[in-house]
Structures are given as structure tokens and as C-alpha cells.
Amino acid sequence: MTPEELLITRAFDLARLGIGSVSPNPRVGCVIVKDGVVLGEGWHQTYGQAHAEINAIANVKNKSLLAGSTVYVNLEPCSHTGKTPPCADQLIAYGIKKVVIANLDTNPLVSGNGVKKLREAGIEVITGILESEGRALNKRFFNFQEHHRPYIILKWAQTADGFIARSNYESKWISNEFSRQLVHKWRSEEDAILIGTKTAAHDNPKLTVRDWSGRNPVRIVIDRFLRLPETLNVFDQSVRTICYNLLKHEEHPNLSLIRLEEQDFIPSLVSHLAKEKIQSVMIEGGSLTLSLFINAGLWDEARVFSSSRSFHAGISAPSFQGYFVREEAIQSDTLRIFQRENLKPNH
């Protein structure tokens, strides 16, 4: 690994510290180096607040050392005024000599303009360092910018003999406690979590983050005919919740009923999530709900827990075609990660 790659890898590590706090902004880390010495580091910590480059500059005690230094950042510095001033302008103002970048920003408001501004100011700019790793880190952001919809993760646990629930829809507990804790970690990392009518009715889940530290995702429920009782945990109005249905539109504190047409129900739901600036959603529903997204071709990643338990009968896990990425043991469970086939990375 080259020195540039090592420092970009460090920027990746810093960027990950913002997971769960910066969406819909991307995850960004920054390292400032001069004469082989790290002057300062920073990352984008909270949506609407200072970006990684500004935090890294703030952590440099002697600002006079910034002149002639090199900045390593995983995403192109912004060139427009949003909730914060342009980072490119700050780099220019402090006399930065060189900027090394993993990924160009595909947001139309930036999209090469940050690099252009830096180069026009006489700053050397190198791009494309560990580019594929950078895209993986910000796959939600890039997917949203390029495909105008959330990054959709399918998640389920299945028995050793391929069942997702018993015949009466009871599914507790297929996976072990470590797998369930990991799911709470995942919830804290995504913008939203979605279930269908049967999961809401039979499991009465809270869909909150409890066995981990982090923010609660937006809760999404599909209840086409509004048959679910208002006493369910998902309707307790403690967390922002959206209920998609065919009957009516109503707004309540922390609860939105959104009416969609039956035709193209799932694509319309995904489009509405995009309008709400929800960049990622994890589908934790049952086999029917998961299959709706699979059949519509609206998924990007599948996370499948396989247990050592067997039910011998019940509701089968959904079938899908995907590209196997990796697997790992979670105590007695096996976790397998897949991507949609047409998203198979180029090697």
C-alpha cells in the first residue's frame, strides 16, 4: 500500500465515525499532513454542522503550518454553500498545496466543481485513490445521487431447513442473541426500517435501537387497508413513523399515513421515501414483504442469517438471485451477504 493509500485509508476510518449521524450527507474523513507529520484530523460528525475538512483544520494548533500542506480526504471538497460554507474555499484560503481524493462527488451541486476550483487556485489535485473502497463506504449516498432512491437492504433470519417463520407466523427466536444485537447496530446505521402488515401484527415490534447506542431509524409500515390496531408499538408516536396504505392520507405527531395507488405500490413507496430524503432502508418484514421488493428489482443488498435450528415446516424464506459477497460466523449463526447481480463489482 502506498503512503497515499494509507492516508486515504485513515480518512475512511475517520469517516466511519460519522455513521448514524451524518445522513443524508456522505461519510467523510480528512487528514492534513506536512513534511511527513500529521497536523490535524477530522470527520463530518453531524448533519448540518462542519464538514470533515473544516474539523481537521480546526484541530491544527498552529494554523500557519497549513500553508504548503497536503490534505487527504475521501470525498471531493464541496464547492457550494449549503448548510455550511464551501470547504474548497477554506483550503484555498489556508494555502493548501495538494489535495488527494478517493471519490469525486456525484451530487450535481459539486460534481467536479470542487476539484476545478482547487486547480484553478493552483492546488495540485489527485483523484481516484482507493476509489472502489470509497464508493463502498458511501454506497448509500452514491446510490441516492445516481439512482434517486434509497439504498435498500433486505434482512432476514432463516432456519437450517429454510424457514423464516412457523406456519402461524411466529418467528422468535430463529437467530441467536449476538445476531439480534448486530441487527440493532444495523438499525442505528440506516435511515429507515420497514415491515409489512403480518410482521407488525404477529411480532408487534418496536423497531427501535435498544441493544446498541445510536439513533432510531424512521419506522415504515405497509398496511394497505389500515387494519392494524393503533395500539401496536409502531404506532406509539415515540419515533417518526410512516404508514403506507391505499385508503387515506393523514398527519399526526410523528405519524404519517400516506396513501398510494395499488398499481406500482412498491415503486411509488420507494419514490416517496426518496422525496423524504431517506437514503437507506432495511426491510425487516416477512417473506411476502421481502419478495415484493425482490420481484420489483428494488433491492441492493441482502443480509441473511442462517440458524442451526430447524422448524421442519412453516413459511419459506424468500428466493432471490444475487451475487455472494462474504459470510461470517455469528456464534452459532452464519451471516451471508449478497448484492444484486447487476451490481456485481468489477474485478
Protein backbone atom coordinates (compact mmCIF):
# COMPACT_ATOMS: atom_id res chain seq x y z
CA MET A 1 0.00 0.00 0.00
CA THR A 2 1.38 3.41 -1.00
CA PRO A 3 1.67 6.30 1.50
CA GLU A 4 -1.24 7.99 -0.27
CA GLU A 5 -3.39 4.87 0.08
CA LEU A 6 -2.52 4.55 3.76
CA LEU A 7 -3.60 8.12 4.46
CA ILE A 8 -6.81 7.73 2.44
CA THR A 9 -7.49 4.55 4.45
CA ARG A 10 -7.09 6.64 7.59
CA ALA A 11 -9.61 9.11 6.13
CA PHE A 12 -12.01 6.17 5.63
CA ASP A 13 -11.57 5.18 9.28
CA LEU A 14 -12.33 8.73 10.41
CA ALA A 15 -15.34 8.93 8.08
CA ARG A 16 -16.85 5.82 9.68
CA LEU A 17 -17.03 7.67 13.00
CA GLY A 18 -19.91 9.64 11.48
CA ILE A 19 -22.05 6.57 10.74
CA GLY A 20 -25.57 7.11 12.01
CA SER A 21 -25.13 10.87 12.45
CA VAL A 22 -24.49 12.49 9.08
CA SER A 23 -27.15 11.17 6.66
CA PRO A 24 -28.28 12.43 4.18
CA ASN A 25 -24.75 13.80 3.90
CA PRO A 26 -21.93 11.40 2.96
CA ARG A 27 -19.42 9.96 5.40
CA VAL A 28 -16.20 11.96 5.09
CA GLY A 29 -12.86 11.93 6.90
CA CYS A 30 -9.84 14.18 6.41
CA VAL A 31 -6.13 14.07 7.30
CA ILE A 32 -3.76 17.03 6.93
CA VAL A 33 -0.04 16.23 6.53
CA LYS A 34 3.12 18.31 6.12
CA ASP A 35 6.69 17.02 5.83
CA GLY A 36 5.52 13.55 6.87
CA VAL A 37 3.84 14.81 10.05
CA VAL A 38 0.08 14.71 10.66
CA LEU A 39 -1.00 18.25 11.57
CA GLY A 40 -4.68 17.51 12.13
CA GLU A 41 -7.54 15.10 11.53
CA GLY A 42 -11.29 15.48 11.40
CA TRP A 43 -14.52 13.99 10.17
CA HIS A 44 -18.05 15.08 9.41
CA GLN A 45 -19.70 14.45 12.75
CA THR A 46 -23.29 15.69 12.48
CA TYR A 47 -25.58 16.58 9.59
CA GLY A 48 -25.83 20.35 9.19
CA GLN A 49 -22.58 21.01 11.04
CA ALA A 50 -18.96 21.43 9.95
CA HIS A 51 -17.58 19.14 7.25
CA ALA A 52 -14.50 16.93 7.67
CA GLU A 53 -12.03 19.40 6.15
CA ILE A 54 -13.16 22.22 8.44
CA ASN A 55 -12.94 19.99 11.52
CA ALA A 56 -9.46 18.84 10.50
CA ILE A 57 -8.31 22.46 10.05
CA ALA A 58 -9.79 23.35 13.45
CA ASN A 59 -7.68 20.61 15.03
CA VAL A 60 -4.43 22.08 13.70
CA LYS A 61 -2.98 24.06 16.61
CA ASN A 62 -0.61 26.21 14.55
CA LYS A 63 -2.61 27.38 11.54
CA SER A 64 0.50 28.88 9.92
CA LEU A 65 1.69 25.33 9.23
CA LEU A 66 -1.27 24.73 6.91
CA ALA A 67 0.39 26.64 4.08
CA GLY A 68 2.12 24.10 1.84
CA SER A 69 0.47 21.08 3.48
CA THR A 70 -1.35 18.15 1.83
CA VAL A 71 -4.95 17.26 2.53
CA TYR A 72 -6.17 13.65 2.22
CA VAL A 73 -9.95 13.36 2.04
CA ASN A 74 -12.18 10.53 0.84
CA LEU A 75 -14.69 12.77 -0.98
CA GLU A 76 -14.25 15.81 -3.20
CA PRO A 77 -14.40 19.02 -1.11
CA CYS A 78 -17.69 20.85 -1.60
CA SER A 79 -17.76 23.97 -3.74
CA HIS A 80 -21.23 25.34 -2.91
CA THR A 81 -22.88 26.94 0.10
CA GLY A 82 -25.38 24.62 1.72
CA LYS A 83 -25.81 24.42 5.48
CA THR A 84 -22.09 25.28 5.71
CA PRO A 85 -19.69 27.37 3.55
CA PRO A 86 -17.67 25.71 0.75
CA CYS A 87 -14.77 23.61 2.02
CA ALA A 88 -12.79 24.23 -1.18
CA ASP A 89 -12.68 27.95 -0.36
CA GLN A 90 -11.21 27.23 3.07
CA LEU A 91 -8.48 25.00 1.64
CA ILE A 92 -7.55 27.74 -0.81
CA ALA A 93 -7.59 30.41 1.90
CA TYR A 94 -5.16 28.46 4.09
CA GLY A 95 -2.69 27.90 1.26
CA ILE A 96 -3.04 24.14 0.98
CA LYS A 97 -0.55 22.85 -1.60
CA LYS A 98 -2.04 19.48 -2.57
CA VAL A 99 -5.34 17.60 -2.15
CA VAL A 100 -5.60 13.82 -2.52
CA ILE A 101 -9.14 12.45 -3.02
CA ALA A 102 -10.69 8.98 -3.21
CA ASN A 103 -14.01 9.88 -4.88
CA LEU A 104 -15.49 12.71 -6.87
CA ASP A 105 -18.85 13.85 -5.51
CA THR A 106 -21.68 12.86 -7.88
CA ASN A 107 -24.03 15.39 -6.27
CA PRO A 108 -24.82 17.78 -9.18
CA LEU A 109 -24.13 20.73 -6.83
CA VAL A 110 -20.49 19.60 -6.55
CA SER A 111 -19.69 17.05 -9.30
CA GLY A 112 -16.16 18.12 -10.21
CA ASN A 113 -16.61 21.78 -9.33
CA GLY A 114 -14.67 21.40 -6.09
CA VAL A 115 -11.68 19.93 -7.92
CA LYS A 116 -11.97 22.59 -10.63
CA LYS A 117 -11.97 25.39 -8.04
CA LEU A 118 -8.92 23.93 -6.28
CA ARG A 119 -6.95 23.51 -9.51
CA GLU A 120 -7.81 27.00 -10.70
CA ALA A 121 -6.32 28.25 -7.42
CA GLY A 122 -3.06 26.44 -8.22
CA ILE A 123 -3.56 23.49 -5.88
CA GLU A 124 -2.39 20.09 -7.13
CA VAL A 125 -5.28 17.61 -7.02
CA ILE A 126 -5.02 13.81 -7.27
CA THR A 127 -8.22 11.77 -7.51
CA GLY A 128 -9.23 8.10 -7.65
CA ILE A 129 -7.11 6.79 -4.74
CA LEU A 130 -8.86 3.61 -3.44
CA GLU A 131 -11.90 4.70 -5.41
CA SER A 132 -13.89 1.44 -5.13
CA GLU A 133 -13.37 1.30 -1.36
CA GLY A 134 -14.57 4.88 -1.12
CA ARG A 135 -17.71 4.09 -3.10
CA ALA A 136 -18.44 1.14 -0.81
CA LEU A 137 -18.12 3.39 2.25
CA ASN A 138 -20.63 5.86 0.79
CA LYS A 139 -22.77 3.39 -1.20
CA ARG A 140 -25.98 4.88 0.24
CA PHE A 141 -25.03 8.42 -0.76
CA PHE A 142 -23.83 7.47 -4.24
CA ASN A 143 -26.89 5.28 -4.87
CA PHE A 144 -29.20 8.13 -3.87
CA GLN A 145 -27.39 10.68 -6.05
CA GLU A 146 -27.15 8.41 -9.08
CA HIS A 147 -30.39 6.38 -8.91
CA HIS A 148 -32.59 8.81 -6.96
CA ARG A 149 -33.83 6.21 -4.49
CA PRO A 150 -32.78 4.79 -1.12
CA TYR A 151 -30.20 2.02 -0.81
CA ILE A 152 -32.38 -0.99 0.06
CA ILE A 153 -31.13 -3.75 2.36
CA LEU A 154 -33.07 -6.99 2.78
CA LYS A 155 -32.60 -8.68 6.14
CA TRP A 156 -33.96 -11.93 7.47
CA ALA A 157 -33.11 -14.95 9.60
CA GLN A 158 -33.89 -18.45 8.39
CA THR A 159 -33.69 -21.89 9.91
CA ALA A 160 -31.27 -24.57 8.75
CA ASP A 161 -34.13 -26.05 6.72
CA GLY A 162 -35.01 -22.74 5.04
CA PHE A 163 -37.97 -21.36 7.01
CA ILE A 164 -38.38 -17.74 8.04
CA ALA A 165 -41.26 -18.39 10.46
CA ARG A 166 -43.57 -21.10 11.71
CA SER A 167 -46.90 -21.72 9.99
CA ASN A 168 -48.61 -19.38 12.49
CA TYR A 169 -46.08 -16.62 11.52
CA GLU A 170 -44.23 -16.95 14.83
CA SER A 171 -40.50 -16.37 14.27
CA LYS A 172 -38.93 -15.93 17.74
CA TRP A 173 -36.17 -16.75 18.05
CA ILE A 174 -34.50 -18.14 14.95
CA SER A 175 -31.23 -16.25 15.31
CA ASN A 176 -29.11 -16.04 18.46
CA GLU A 177 -28.73 -13.06 20.79
CA PHE A 178 -25.48 -11.91 19.17
CA SER A 179 -27.13 -11.78 15.74
CA ARG A 180 -30.06 -9.86 17.21
CA GLN A 181 -27.69 -7.35 18.79
CA LEU A 182 -25.96 -6.91 15.43
CA VAL A 183 -29.35 -6.08 13.89
CA HIS A 184 -29.78 -3.29 16.45
CA LYS A 185 -26.38 -1.93 15.41
CA TRP A 186 -27.54 -2.02 11.78
CA ARG A 187 -30.73 -0.17 12.68
CA SER A 188 -28.66 2.67 14.12
CA GLU A 189 -26.78 2.94 10.80
CA GLU A 190 -29.77 3.19 8.42
CA ASP A 191 -32.26 5.98 7.83
CA ALA A 192 -35.34 3.76 7.95
CA ILE A 193 -36.62 0.26 8.71
CA LEU A 194 -39.63 -1.31 7.00
CA ILE A 195 -42.05 -4.11 7.85
CA GLY A 196 -45.31 -5.42 6.43
CA THR A 197 -48.74 -5.97 7.98
CA LYS A 198 -48.18 -9.55 9.18
CA THR A 199 -44.89 -8.77 10.93
CA ALA A 200 -46.47 -5.78 12.67
CA ALA A 201 -49.49 -7.83 13.75
CA HIS A 202 -47.76 -11.04 14.85
CA ASP A 203 -44.47 -9.72 16.30
CA ASN A 204 -45.60 -6.25 17.47
CA PRO A 205 -42.00 -4.97 17.15
CA LYS A 206 -40.81 -1.59 18.39
CA LEU A 207 -38.27 -1.25 15.55
CA THR A 208 -36.06 0.92 17.76
CA VAL A 209 -32.39 0.72 18.72
CA ARG A 210 -32.17 -0.88 22.15
CA ASP A 211 -29.20 -3.27 22.29
CA TRP A 212 -26.86 -0.68 20.79
CA SER A 213 -26.13 3.02 21.07
CA GLY A 214 -27.42 5.24 18.29
CA ARG A 215 -30.37 6.99 16.74
CA ASN A 216 -33.67 5.29 15.97
CA PRO A 217 -34.46 4.87 12.27
CA VAL A 218 -37.70 6.11 10.74
CA ARG A 219 -40.25 3.28 11.08
CA ILE A 220 -42.12 2.29 7.93
CA VAL A 221 -45.18 0.04 7.92
CA ILE A 222 -47.12 -1.29 4.94
CA ASP A 223 -50.79 -1.62 5.93
CA ARG A 224 -52.76 -1.41 2.71
CA PHE A 225 -56.25 -1.44 4.27
CA LEU A 226 -55.37 0.13 7.65
CA ARG A 227 -56.39 -2.98 9.54
CA LEU A 228 -53.61 -2.87 12.13
CA PRO A 229 -54.69 -1.75 15.62
CA GLU A 230 -53.49 1.66 16.76
CA THR A 231 -52.24 0.08 19.99
CA LEU A 232 -49.26 -1.58 18.27
CA ASN A 233 -45.79 -0.43 19.32
CA VAL A 234 -45.00 1.01 15.88
CA PHE A 235 -47.89 3.49 16.25
CA ASP A 236 -46.91 4.78 19.71
CA GLN A 237 -45.64 8.05 18.12
CA SER A 238 -42.36 7.84 20.05
CA VAL A 239 -40.40 7.67 16.78
CA ARG A 240 -41.20 9.12 13.36
CA THR A 241 -43.33 6.53 11.55
CA ILE A 242 -44.77 6.33 8.03
CA CYS A 243 -47.68 4.01 7.25
CA TYR A 244 -48.26 3.38 3.53
CA ASN A 245 -51.81 2.41 2.60
CA LEU A 246 -54.48 2.50 -0.12
CA LEU A 247 -57.14 4.45 1.77
CA LYS A 248 -56.18 7.83 3.17
CA HIS A 249 -53.58 10.47 3.91
CA GLU A 250 -53.38 11.82 7.45
CA GLU A 251 -50.76 13.59 9.52
CA HIS A 252 -50.36 13.04 13.25
CA PRO A 253 -47.44 13.89 15.58
CA ASN A 254 -44.60 11.58 14.49
CA LEU A 255 -47.01 9.50 12.39
CA SER A 256 -47.84 9.96 8.70
CA LEU A 257 -50.46 7.94 6.84
CA ILE A 258 -49.51 8.08 3.15
CA ARG A 259 -51.99 6.92 0.52
CA LEU A 260 -50.59 5.22 -2.58
CA GLU A 261 -52.26 3.65 -5.61
CA GLU A 262 -52.37 -0.15 -5.75
CA GLN A 263 -50.69 -0.12 -9.15
CA ASP A 264 -46.92 0.29 -8.74
CA PHE A 265 -47.37 0.36 -4.95
CA ILE A 266 -43.77 -0.61 -4.11
CA PRO A 267 -42.09 1.67 -6.70
CA SER A 268 -44.33 4.53 -5.52
CA LEU A 269 -43.38 3.82 -1.91
CA VAL A 270 -39.68 3.91 -2.78
CA SER A 271 -40.16 7.16 -4.71
CA HIS A 272 -41.89 8.74 -1.73
CA LEU A 273 -39.02 7.71 0.55
CA ALA A 274 -36.63 9.44 -1.83
CA LYS A 275 -38.71 12.63 -1.64
CA GLU A 276 -38.42 12.38 2.14
CA LYS A 277 -34.61 12.28 1.68
CA ILE A 278 -34.41 8.80 3.20
CA GLN A 279 -31.18 7.42 1.73
CA SER A 280 -31.31 3.89 3.11
CA VAL A 281 -33.95 1.46 4.29
CA MET A 282 -33.63 -2.00 5.83
CA ILE A 283 -36.50 -4.36 5.09
CA GLU A 284 -37.16 -6.47 8.18
CA GLY A 285 -40.51 -7.78 7.04
CA GLY A 286 -41.70 -11.31 6.40
CA SER A 287 -41.31 -13.41 3.28
CA LEU A 288 -44.15 -11.68 1.41
CA THR A 289 -42.87 -8.16 2.03
CA LEU A 290 -39.29 -9.13 1.17
CA SER A 291 -40.49 -10.80 -2.04
CA LEU A 292 -42.38 -7.65 -3.09
CA PHE A 293 -39.10 -5.74 -3.20
CA ILE A 294 -37.17 -8.65 -4.75
CA ASN A 295 -39.76 -9.07 -7.54
CA ALA A 296 -39.79 -5.33 -8.20
CA GLY A 297 -35.99 -5.37 -8.56
CA LEU A 298 -35.81 -2.77 -5.80
CA TRP A 299 -33.05 -4.02 -3.55
CA ASP A 300 -29.30 -3.59 -3.36
CA GLU A 301 -28.04 -5.87 -0.61
CA ALA A 302 -29.30 -8.94 1.29
CA ARG A 303 -28.14 -9.93 4.77
CA VAL A 304 -29.23 -13.45 5.60
CA PHE A 305 -28.75 -15.17 8.96
CA SER A 306 -28.87 -18.97 8.88
CA SER A 307 -29.54 -20.68 12.18
CA SER A 308 -28.69 -24.18 13.32
CA ARG A 309 -32.33 -24.60 14.38
CA SER A 310 -34.93 -26.41 12.25
CA PHE A 311 -38.71 -25.90 12.07
CA HIS A 312 -39.46 -28.81 9.67
CA ALA A 313 -42.46 -26.84 8.38
CA GLY A 314 -43.53 -23.21 8.11
CA ILE A 315 -43.16 -20.16 5.89
CA SER A 316 -40.26 -20.45 3.46
CA ALA A 317 -37.57 -17.82 3.20
CA PRO A 318 -37.78 -15.70 0.03
CA SER A 319 -35.87 -16.77 -3.06
CA PHE A 320 -33.65 -14.34 -4.93
CA GLN A 321 -30.78 -14.09 -7.38
CA GLY A 322 -27.77 -12.26 -6.05
CA TYR A 323 -24.00 -12.03 -6.04
CA PHE A 324 -22.43 -13.63 -2.97
CA VAL A 325 -20.11 -11.19 -1.20
CA ARG A 326 -18.97 -12.85 2.03
CA GLU A 327 -20.01 -14.84 5.07
CA GLU A 328 -19.08 -14.87 8.73
CA ALA A 329 -19.95 -16.84 11.83
CA ILE A 330 -22.00 -15.06 14.49
CA GLN A 331 -21.59 -17.65 17.23
CA SER A 332 -23.95 -20.48 16.16
CA ASP A 333 -25.41 -18.49 13.23
CA THR A 334 -23.94 -17.91 9.77
CA LEU A 335 -24.37 -14.47 8.23
CA ARG A 336 -24.19 -14.26 4.44
CA ILE A 337 -24.09 -11.00 2.49
CA PHE A 338 -25.30 -10.71 -1.11
CA GLN A 339 -25.60 -7.92 -3.66
CA ARG A 340 -27.93 -7.68 -6.62
CA GLU A 341 -26.33 -9.47 -9.59
CA ASN A 342 -26.28 -6.39 -11.80
CA LEU A 343 -24.34 -4.54 -9.10
CA LYS A 344 -21.55 -7.12 -9.10
CA PRO A 345 -18.27 -5.24 -8.67
CA ASN A 346 -15.77 -5.24 -11.48
CA HIS A 347 -12.57 -7.18 -10.73
